[in-house]
Amino acid sequence: MSGPIERLRSNAGSAPRPRAELGDYLEKVRSGAYAVTDADVEALTGAGIPEDEIFEQTVAVAIREGLRRLDAATAAIGR
């Protein structure tokens, strides 16, 4: 049976490849999510990207980054 972390890995890895227009935004989510603003999302919706797609890609990137950091922390403490 897989645990919650394994399910997160599986689900985040199965997200569709993001369109190129999301690149800078998703990098901002990955490297400094605290800096994402409504204006960032409004710029994407203004470019014709549906809110559902923005949400799904945001969650997938945030989960992947969280798992990457969890793996780094686990490696640092020797588990």
PDB file of N, CA and C in Angstrom:
ATOM      1  N   MET A   1       0.847  -1.183   0.000  1.00  0.00           N
ATOM      2  CA  MET A   1       0.000   0.000   0.000  1.00  0.00           C
ATOM      3  C   MET A   1       0.891   1.244   0.000  1.00  0.00           C
ATOM      4  N   SER A   2       0.514   2.210  -0.800  1.00  0.00           N
ATOM      5  CA  SER A   2       1.322   3.420  -0.857  1.00  0.00           C
ATOM      6  C   SER A   2       0.800   4.439   0.151  1.00  0.00           C
ATOM      7  N   GLY A   3       1.730   5.175   0.695  1.00  0.00           N
ATOM      8  CA  GLY A   3       1.390   6.189   1.676  1.00  0.00           C
ATOM      9  C   GLY A   3       1.073   7.510   1.011  1.00  0.00           C
ATOM     10  N   PRO A   4       0.746   8.511   1.824  1.00  0.00           N
ATOM     11  CA  PRO A   4       0.354   9.810   1.263  1.00  0.00           C
ATOM     12  C   PRO A   4       1.465  10.496   0.476  1.00  0.00           C
ATOM     13  N   ILE A   5       2.697  10.350   0.892  1.00  0.00           N
ATOM     14  CA  ILE A   5       3.807  10.989   0.166  1.00  0.00           C
ATOM     15  C   ILE A   5       3.957  10.354  -1.214  1.00  0.00           C
ATOM     16  N   GLU A   6       3.862   9.039  -1.272  1.00  0.00           N
ATOM     17  CA  GLU A   6       3.982   8.358  -2.562  1.00  0.00           C
ATOM     18  C   GLU A   6       2.833   8.748  -3.492  1.00  0.00           C
ATOM     19  N   ARG A   7       1.649   8.901  -2.933  1.00  0.00           N
ATOM     20  CA  ARG A   7       0.503   9.323  -3.752  1.00  0.00           C
ATOM     21  C   ARG A   7       0.706  10.750  -4.268  1.00  0.00           C
ATOM     22  N   LEU A   8       1.256  11.614  -3.426  1.00  0.00           N
ATOM     23  CA  LEU A   8       1.557  12.975  -3.882  1.00  0.00           C
ATOM     24  C   LEU A   8       2.562  12.958  -5.026  1.00  0.00           C
ATOM     25  N   ARG A   9       3.611  12.142  -4.887  1.00  0.00           N
ATOM     26  CA  ARG A   9       4.620  12.037  -5.944  1.00  0.00           C
ATOM     27  C   ARG A   9       3.987  11.588  -7.255  1.00  0.00           C
ATOM     28  N   SER A  10       3.146  10.599  -7.156  1.00  0.00           N
ATOM     29  CA  SER A  10       2.498  10.051  -8.343  1.00  0.00           C
ATOM     30  C   SER A  10       1.580  11.080  -8.994  1.00  0.00           C
ATOM     31  N   ASN A  11       0.768  11.735  -8.195  1.00  0.00           N
ATOM     32  CA  ASN A  11      -0.178  12.706  -8.742  1.00  0.00           C
ATOM     33  C   ASN A  11       0.517  13.933  -9.317  1.00  0.00           C
ATOM     34  N   ALA A  12       1.525  14.439  -8.637  1.00  0.00           N
ATOM     35  CA  ALA A  12       2.238  15.618  -9.129  1.00  0.00           C
ATOM     36  C   ALA A  12       2.992  15.292 -10.409  1.00  0.00           C
ATOM     37  N   GLY A  13       3.482  14.077 -10.496  1.00  0.00           N
ATOM     38  CA  GLY A  13       4.214  13.665 -11.688  1.00  0.00           C
ATOM     39  C   GLY A  13       3.336  13.419 -12.890  1.00  0.00           C
ATOM     40  N   SER A  14       2.043  13.274 -12.666  1.00  0.00           N
ATOM     41  CA  SER A  14       1.147  12.977 -13.778  1.00  0.00           C
ATOM     42  C   SER A  14       0.466  14.222 -14.343  1.00  0.00           C
ATOM     43  N   ALA A  15       0.807  15.391 -13.831  1.00  0.00           N
ATOM     44  CA  ALA A  15       0.219  16.628 -14.358  1.00  0.00           C
ATOM     45  C   ALA A  15       0.677  16.817 -15.802  1.00  0.00           C
ATOM     46  N   PRO A  16      -0.213  17.313 -16.668  1.00  0.00           N
ATOM     47  CA  PRO A  16       0.197  17.552 -18.052  1.00  0.00           C
ATOM     48  C   PRO A  16       1.312  18.588 -18.131  1.00  0.00           C
ATOM     49  N   ARG A  17       2.110  18.469 -19.153  1.00  0.00           N
ATOM     50  CA  ARG A  17       3.210  19.414 -19.349  1.00  0.00           C
ATOM     51  C   ARG A  17       2.625  20.820 -19.499  1.00  0.00           C
ATOM     52  N   PRO A  18       3.179  21.783 -18.750  1.00  0.00           N
ATOM     53  CA  PRO A  18       2.626  23.147 -18.830  1.00  0.00           C
ATOM     54  C   PRO A  18       2.971  23.815 -20.163  1.00  0.00           C
ATOM     55  N   ARG A  19       2.102  24.693 -20.605  1.00  0.00           N
ATOM     56  CA  ARG A  19       2.396  25.461 -21.819  1.00  0.00           C
ATOM     57  C   ARG A  19       3.511  26.463 -21.519  1.00  0.00           C
ATOM     58  N   ALA A  20       4.214  26.857 -22.549  1.00  0.00           N
ATOM     59  CA  ALA A  20       5.381  27.735 -22.410  1.00  0.00           C
ATOM     60  C   ALA A  20       5.038  29.051 -21.721  1.00  0.00           C
ATOM     61  N   GLU A  21       3.842  29.574 -21.947  1.00  0.00           N
ATOM     62  CA  GLU A  21       3.447  30.856 -21.367  1.00  0.00           C
ATOM     63  C   GLU A  21       3.418  30.833 -19.841  1.00  0.00           C
ATOM     64  N   LEU A  22       3.379  29.650 -19.257  1.00  0.00           N
ATOM     65  CA  LEU A  22       3.349  29.528 -17.800  1.00  0.00           C
ATOM     66  C   LEU A  22       4.752  29.454 -17.196  1.00  0.00           C
ATOM     67  N   GLY A  23       5.777  29.367 -18.019  1.00  0.00           N
ATOM     68  CA  GLY A  23       7.138  29.136 -17.546  1.00  0.00           C
ATOM     69  C   GLY A  23       7.625  30.072 -16.458  1.00  0.00           C
ATOM     70  N   ASP A  24       7.579  31.371 -16.706  1.00  0.00           N
ATOM     71  CA  ASP A  24       8.074  32.338 -15.720  1.00  0.00           C
ATOM     72  C   ASP A  24       7.236  32.306 -14.441  1.00  0.00           C
ATOM     73  N   TYR A  25       5.923  32.200 -14.620  1.00  0.00           N
ATOM     74  CA  TYR A  25       5.028  32.144 -13.454  1.00  0.00           C
ATOM     75  C   TYR A  25       5.325  30.907 -12.607  1.00  0.00           C
ATOM     76  N   LEU A  26       5.471  29.749 -13.249  1.00  0.00           N
ATOM     77  CA  LEU A  26       5.715  28.521 -12.489  1.00  0.00           C
ATOM     78  C   LEU A  26       7.090  28.532 -11.821  1.00  0.00           C
ATOM     79  N   GLU A  27       8.056  29.170 -12.440  1.00  0.00           N
ATOM     80  CA  GLU A  27       9.365  29.317 -11.791  1.00  0.00           C
ATOM     81  C   GLU A  27       9.231  30.194 -10.553  1.00  0.00           C
ATOM     82  N   LYS A  28       8.402  31.219 -10.638  1.00  0.00           N
ATOM     83  CA  LYS A  28       8.160  32.077  -9.473  1.00  0.00           C
ATOM     84  C   LYS A  28       7.494  31.282  -8.359  1.00  0.00           C
ATOM     85  N   VAL A  29       6.539  30.437  -8.710  1.00  0.00           N
ATOM     86  CA  VAL A  29       5.885  29.570  -7.715  1.00  0.00           C
ATOM     87  C   VAL A  29       6.928  28.654  -7.082  1.00  0.00           C
ATOM     88  N   ARG A  30       7.784  28.059  -7.914  1.00  0.00           N
ATOM     89  CA  ARG A  30       8.781  27.104  -7.429  1.00  0.00           C
ATOM     90  C   ARG A  30       9.812  27.757  -6.509  1.00  0.00           C
ATOM     91  N   SER A  31      10.276  28.926  -6.891  1.00  0.00           N
ATOM     92  CA  SER A  31      11.394  29.514  -6.158  1.00  0.00           C
ATOM     93  C   SER A  31      10.993  30.537  -5.098  1.00  0.00           C
ATOM     94  N   GLY A  32       9.793  31.064  -5.184  1.00  0.00           N
ATOM     95  CA  GLY A  32       9.382  32.079  -4.208  1.00  0.00           C
ATOM     96  C   GLY A  32       7.882  32.291  -4.227  1.00  0.00           C
ATOM     97  N   ALA A  33       7.144  31.276  -3.883  1.00  0.00           N
ATOM     98  CA  ALA A  33       5.677  31.338  -3.951  1.00  0.00           C
ATOM     99  C   ALA A  33       5.108  32.509  -3.159  1.00  0.00           C
ATOM    100  N   TYR A  34       5.809  32.934  -2.135  1.00  0.00           N
ATOM    101  CA  TYR A  34       5.353  34.062  -1.314  1.00  0.00           C
ATOM    102  C   TYR A  34       5.223  35.341  -2.128  1.00  0.00           C
ATOM    103  N   ALA A  35       5.886  35.416  -3.284  1.00  0.00           N
ATOM    104  CA  ALA A  35       5.898  36.627  -4.094  1.00  0.00           C
ATOM    105  C   ALA A  35       4.836  36.626  -5.200  1.00  0.00           C
ATOM    106  N   VAL A  36       4.108  35.518  -5.352  1.00  0.00           N
ATOM    107  CA  VAL A  36       3.062  35.453  -6.376  1.00  0.00           C
ATOM    108  C   VAL A  36       1.913  36.371  -5.969  1.00  0.00           C
ATOM    109  N   THR A  37       1.436  37.151  -6.919  1.00  0.00           N
ATOM    110  CA  THR A  37       0.359  38.107  -6.640  1.00  0.00           C
ATOM    111  C   THR A  37      -0.836  37.847  -7.563  1.00  0.00           C
ATOM    112  N   ASP A  38      -1.932  38.502  -7.238  1.00  0.00           N
ATOM    113  CA  ASP A  38      -3.109  38.437  -8.102  1.00  0.00           C
ATOM    114  C   ASP A  38      -2.766  38.920  -9.508  1.00  0.00           C
ATOM    115  N   ALA A  39      -1.899  39.897  -9.593  1.00  0.00           N
ATOM    116  CA  ALA A  39      -1.517  40.435 -10.903  1.00  0.00           C
ATOM    117  C   ALA A  39      -0.848  39.374 -11.769  1.00  0.00           C
ATOM    118  N   ASP A  40      -0.086  38.475 -11.166  1.00  0.00           N
ATOM    119  CA  ASP A  40       0.548  37.386 -11.921  1.00  0.00           C
ATOM    120  C   ASP A  40      -0.517  36.501 -12.562  1.00  0.00           C
ATOM    121  N   VAL A  41      -1.513  36.157 -11.780  1.00  0.00           N
ATOM    122  CA  VAL A  41      -2.584  35.291 -12.280  1.00  0.00           C
ATOM    123  C   VAL A  41      -3.432  36.047 -13.300  1.00  0.00           C
ATOM    124  N   GLU A  42      -3.719  37.304 -13.039  1.00  0.00           N
ATOM    125  CA  GLU A  42      -4.509  38.105 -13.974  1.00  0.00           C
ATOM    126  C   GLU A  42      -3.811  38.239 -15.323  1.00  0.00           C
ATOM    127  N   ALA A  43      -2.493  38.341 -15.317  1.00  0.00           N
ATOM    128  CA  ALA A  43      -1.752  38.425 -16.579  1.00  0.00           C
ATOM    129  C   ALA A  43      -1.919  37.131 -17.379  1.00  0.00           C
ATOM    130  N   LEU A  44      -1.933  36.001 -16.687  1.00  0.00           N
ATOM    131  CA  LEU A  44      -2.104  34.725 -17.379  1.00  0.00           C
ATOM    132  C   LEU A  44      -3.520  34.557 -17.908  1.00  0.00           C
ATOM    133  N   THR A  45      -4.512  34.898 -17.096  1.00  0.00           N
ATOM    134  CA  THR A  45      -5.890  34.785 -17.582  1.00  0.00           C
ATOM    135  C   THR A  45      -6.132  35.781 -18.718  1.00  0.00           C
ATOM    136  N   GLY A  46      -5.494  36.937 -18.647  1.00  0.00           N
ATOM    137  CA  GLY A  46      -5.597  37.914 -19.728  1.00  0.00           C
ATOM    138  C   GLY A  46      -4.984  37.417 -21.028  1.00  0.00           C
ATOM    139  N   ALA A  47      -4.025  36.496 -20.903  1.00  0.00           N
ATOM    140  CA  ALA A  47      -3.396  35.898 -22.082  1.00  0.00           C
ATOM    141  C   ALA A  47      -4.187  34.691 -22.593  1.00  0.00           C
ATOM    142  N   GLY A  48      -5.336  34.431 -21.948  1.00  0.00           N
ATOM    143  CA  GLY A  48      -6.203  33.361 -22.425  1.00  0.00           C
ATOM    144  C   GLY A  48      -6.005  32.011 -21.775  1.00  0.00           C
ATOM    145  N   ILE A  49      -5.239  31.955 -20.688  1.00  0.00           N
ATOM    146  CA  ILE A  49      -5.021  30.684 -20.004  1.00  0.00           C
ATOM    147  C   ILE A  49      -6.122  30.510 -18.961  1.00  0.00           C
ATOM    148  N   PRO A  50      -6.849  29.397 -19.016  1.00  0.00           N
ATOM    149  CA  PRO A  50      -7.957  29.187 -18.080  1.00  0.00           C
ATOM    150  C   PRO A  50      -7.481  29.084 -16.626  1.00  0.00           C
ATOM    151  N   GLU A  51      -8.297  29.603 -15.713  1.00  0.00           N
ATOM    152  CA  GLU A  51      -7.956  29.558 -14.283  1.00  0.00           C
ATOM    153  C   GLU A  51      -7.749  28.129 -13.797  1.00  0.00           C
ATOM    154  N   ASP A  52      -8.532  27.179 -14.302  1.00  0.00           N
ATOM    155  CA  ASP A  52      -8.361  25.780 -13.893  1.00  0.00           C
ATOM    156  C   ASP A  52      -6.964  25.276 -14.231  1.00  0.00           C
ATOM    157  N   GLU A  53      -6.471  25.616 -15.408  1.00  0.00           N
ATOM    158  CA  GLU A  53      -5.141  25.186 -15.820  1.00  0.00           C
ATOM    159  C   GLU A  53      -4.070  25.847 -14.954  1.00  0.00           C
ATOM    160  N   ILE A  54      -4.237  27.129 -14.671  1.00  0.00           N
ATOM    161  CA  ILE A  54      -3.284  27.834 -13.812  1.00  0.00           C
ATOM    162  C   ILE A  54      -3.255  27.182 -12.431  1.00  0.00           C
ATOM    163  N   PHE A  55      -4.426  26.896 -11.886  1.00  0.00           N
ATOM    164  CA  PHE A  55      -4.514  26.270 -10.567  1.00  0.00           C
ATOM    165  C   PHE A  55      -3.832  24.908 -10.561  1.00  0.00           C
ATOM    166  N   GLU A  56      -4.166  24.063 -11.534  1.00  0.00           N
ATOM    167  CA  GLU A  56      -3.596  22.717 -11.572  1.00  0.00           C
ATOM    168  C   GLU A  56      -2.075  22.750 -11.689  1.00  0.00           C
ATOM    169  N   GLN A  57      -1.563  23.614 -12.543  1.00  0.00           N
ATOM    170  CA  GLN A  57      -0.112  23.706 -12.708  1.00  0.00           C
ATOM    171  C   GLN A  57       0.556  24.292 -11.463  1.00  0.00           C
ATOM    172  N   THR A  58      -0.098  25.243 -10.821  1.00  0.00           N
ATOM    173  CA  THR A  58       0.433  25.830  -9.592  1.00  0.00           C
ATOM    174  C   THR A  58       0.555  24.769  -8.509  1.00  0.00           C
ATOM    175  N   VAL A  59      -0.498  23.999  -8.319  1.00  0.00           N
ATOM    176  CA  VAL A  59      -0.487  22.952  -7.293  1.00  0.00           C
ATOM    177  C   VAL A  59       0.566  21.904  -7.615  1.00  0.00           C
ATOM    178  N   ALA A  60       0.646  21.482  -8.861  1.00  0.00           N
ATOM    179  CA  ALA A  60       1.624  20.452  -9.240  1.00  0.00           C
ATOM    180  C   ALA A  60       3.053  20.921  -8.973  1.00  0.00           C
ATOM    181  N   VAL A  61       3.365  22.159  -9.352  1.00  0.00           N
ATOM    182  CA  VAL A  61       4.718  22.683  -9.132  1.00  0.00           C
ATOM    183  C   VAL A  61       5.004  22.830  -7.635  1.00  0.00           C
ATOM    184  N   ALA A  62       4.037  23.322  -6.888  1.00  0.00           N
ATOM    185  CA  ALA A  62       4.232  23.492  -5.446  1.00  0.00           C
ATOM    186  C   ALA A  62       4.459  22.151  -4.762  1.00  0.00           C
ATOM    187  N   ILE A  63       3.715  21.141  -5.148  1.00  0.00           N
ATOM    188  CA  ILE A  63       3.895  19.809  -4.555  1.00  0.00           C
ATOM    189  C   ILE A  63       5.259  19.243  -4.932  1.00  0.00           C
ATOM    190  N   ARG A  64       5.627  19.344  -6.221  1.00  0.00           N
ATOM    191  CA  ARG A  64       6.943  18.821  -6.629  1.00  0.00           C
ATOM    192  C   ARG A  64       8.072  19.514  -5.872  1.00  0.00           C
ATOM    193  N   GLU A  65       7.977  20.833  -5.708  1.00  0.00           N
ATOM    194  CA  GLU A  65       9.021  21.567  -4.984  1.00  0.00           C
ATOM    195  C   GLU A  65       9.031  21.185  -3.509  1.00  0.00           C
ATOM    196  N   GLY A  66       7.859  21.035  -2.923  1.00  0.00           N
ATOM    197  CA  GLY A  66       7.792  20.599  -1.526  1.00  0.00           C
ATOM    198  C   GLY A  66       8.417  19.231  -1.334  1.00  0.00           C
ATOM    199  N   LEU A  67       8.142  18.321  -2.256  1.00  0.00           N
ATOM    200  CA  LEU A  67       8.734  16.980  -2.173  1.00  0.00           C
ATOM    201  C   LEU A  67      10.244  17.023  -2.393  1.00  0.00           C
ATOM    202  N   ARG A  68      10.696  17.884  -3.298  1.00  0.00           N
ATOM    203  CA  ARG A  68      12.151  18.029  -3.513  1.00  0.00           C
ATOM    204  C   ARG A  68      12.819  18.499  -2.227  1.00  0.00           C
ATOM    205  N   ARG A  69      12.200  19.451  -1.563  1.00  0.00           N
ATOM    206  CA  ARG A  69      12.767  19.961  -0.312  1.00  0.00           C
ATOM    207  C   ARG A  69      12.700  18.910   0.794  1.00  0.00           C
ATOM    208  N   LEU A  70      11.635  18.139   0.827  1.00  0.00           N
ATOM    209  CA  LEU A  70      11.529  17.051   1.805  1.00  0.00           C
ATOM    210  C   LEU A  70      12.638  16.038   1.577  1.00  0.00           C
ATOM    211  N   ASP A  71      12.877  15.683   0.313  1.00  0.00           N
ATOM    212  CA  ASP A  71      13.958  14.740  -0.012  1.00  0.00           C
ATOM    213  C   ASP A  71      15.323  15.287   0.393  1.00  0.00           C
ATOM    214  N   ALA A  72      15.548  16.581   0.147  1.00  0.00           N
ATOM    215  CA  ALA A  72      16.825  17.191   0.518  1.00  0.00           C
ATOM    216  C   ALA A  72      16.999  17.186   2.041  1.00  0.00           C
ATOM    217  N   ALA A  73      15.933  17.491   2.759  1.00  0.00           N
ATOM    218  CA  ALA A  73      16.009  17.502   4.223  1.00  0.00           C
ATOM    219  C   ALA A  73      16.239  16.091   4.764  1.00  0.00           C
ATOM    220  N   THR A  74      15.554  15.138   4.171  1.00  0.00           N
ATOM    221  CA  THR A  74      15.717  13.743   4.609  1.00  0.00           C
ATOM    222  C   THR A  74      17.145  13.279   4.347  1.00  0.00           C
ATOM    223  N   ALA A  75      17.698  13.633   3.204  1.00  0.00           N
ATOM    224  CA  ALA A  75      19.080  13.264   2.904  1.00  0.00           C
ATOM    225  C   ALA A  75      20.053  13.948   3.865  1.00  0.00           C
ATOM    226  N   ALA A  76      19.758  15.200   4.209  1.00  0.00           N
ATOM    227  CA  ALA A  76      20.661  15.945   5.103  1.00  0.00           C
ATOM    228  C   ALA A  76      20.690  15.357   6.504  1.00  0.00           C
ATOM    229  N   ILE A  77      19.573  14.798   6.958  1.00  0.00           N
ATOM    230  CA  ILE A  77      19.568  14.229   8.291  1.00  0.00           C
ATOM    231  C   ILE A  77      19.888  12.734   8.284  1.00  0.00           C
ATOM    232  N   GLY A  78      20.124  12.217   7.076  1.00  0.00           N
ATOM    233  CA  GLY A  78      20.600  10.839   6.970  1.00  0.00           C
ATOM    234  C   GLY A  78      19.550   9.765   7.108  1.00  0.00           C
ATOM    235  N   ARG A  79      18.371  10.021   6.637  1.00  0.00           N
ATOM    236  CA  ARG A  79      17.324   8.988   6.708  1.00  0.00           C
ATOM    237  C   ARG A  79      17.193   8.268   5.419  1.00  0.00           C
TER     238      ARG A  79
END
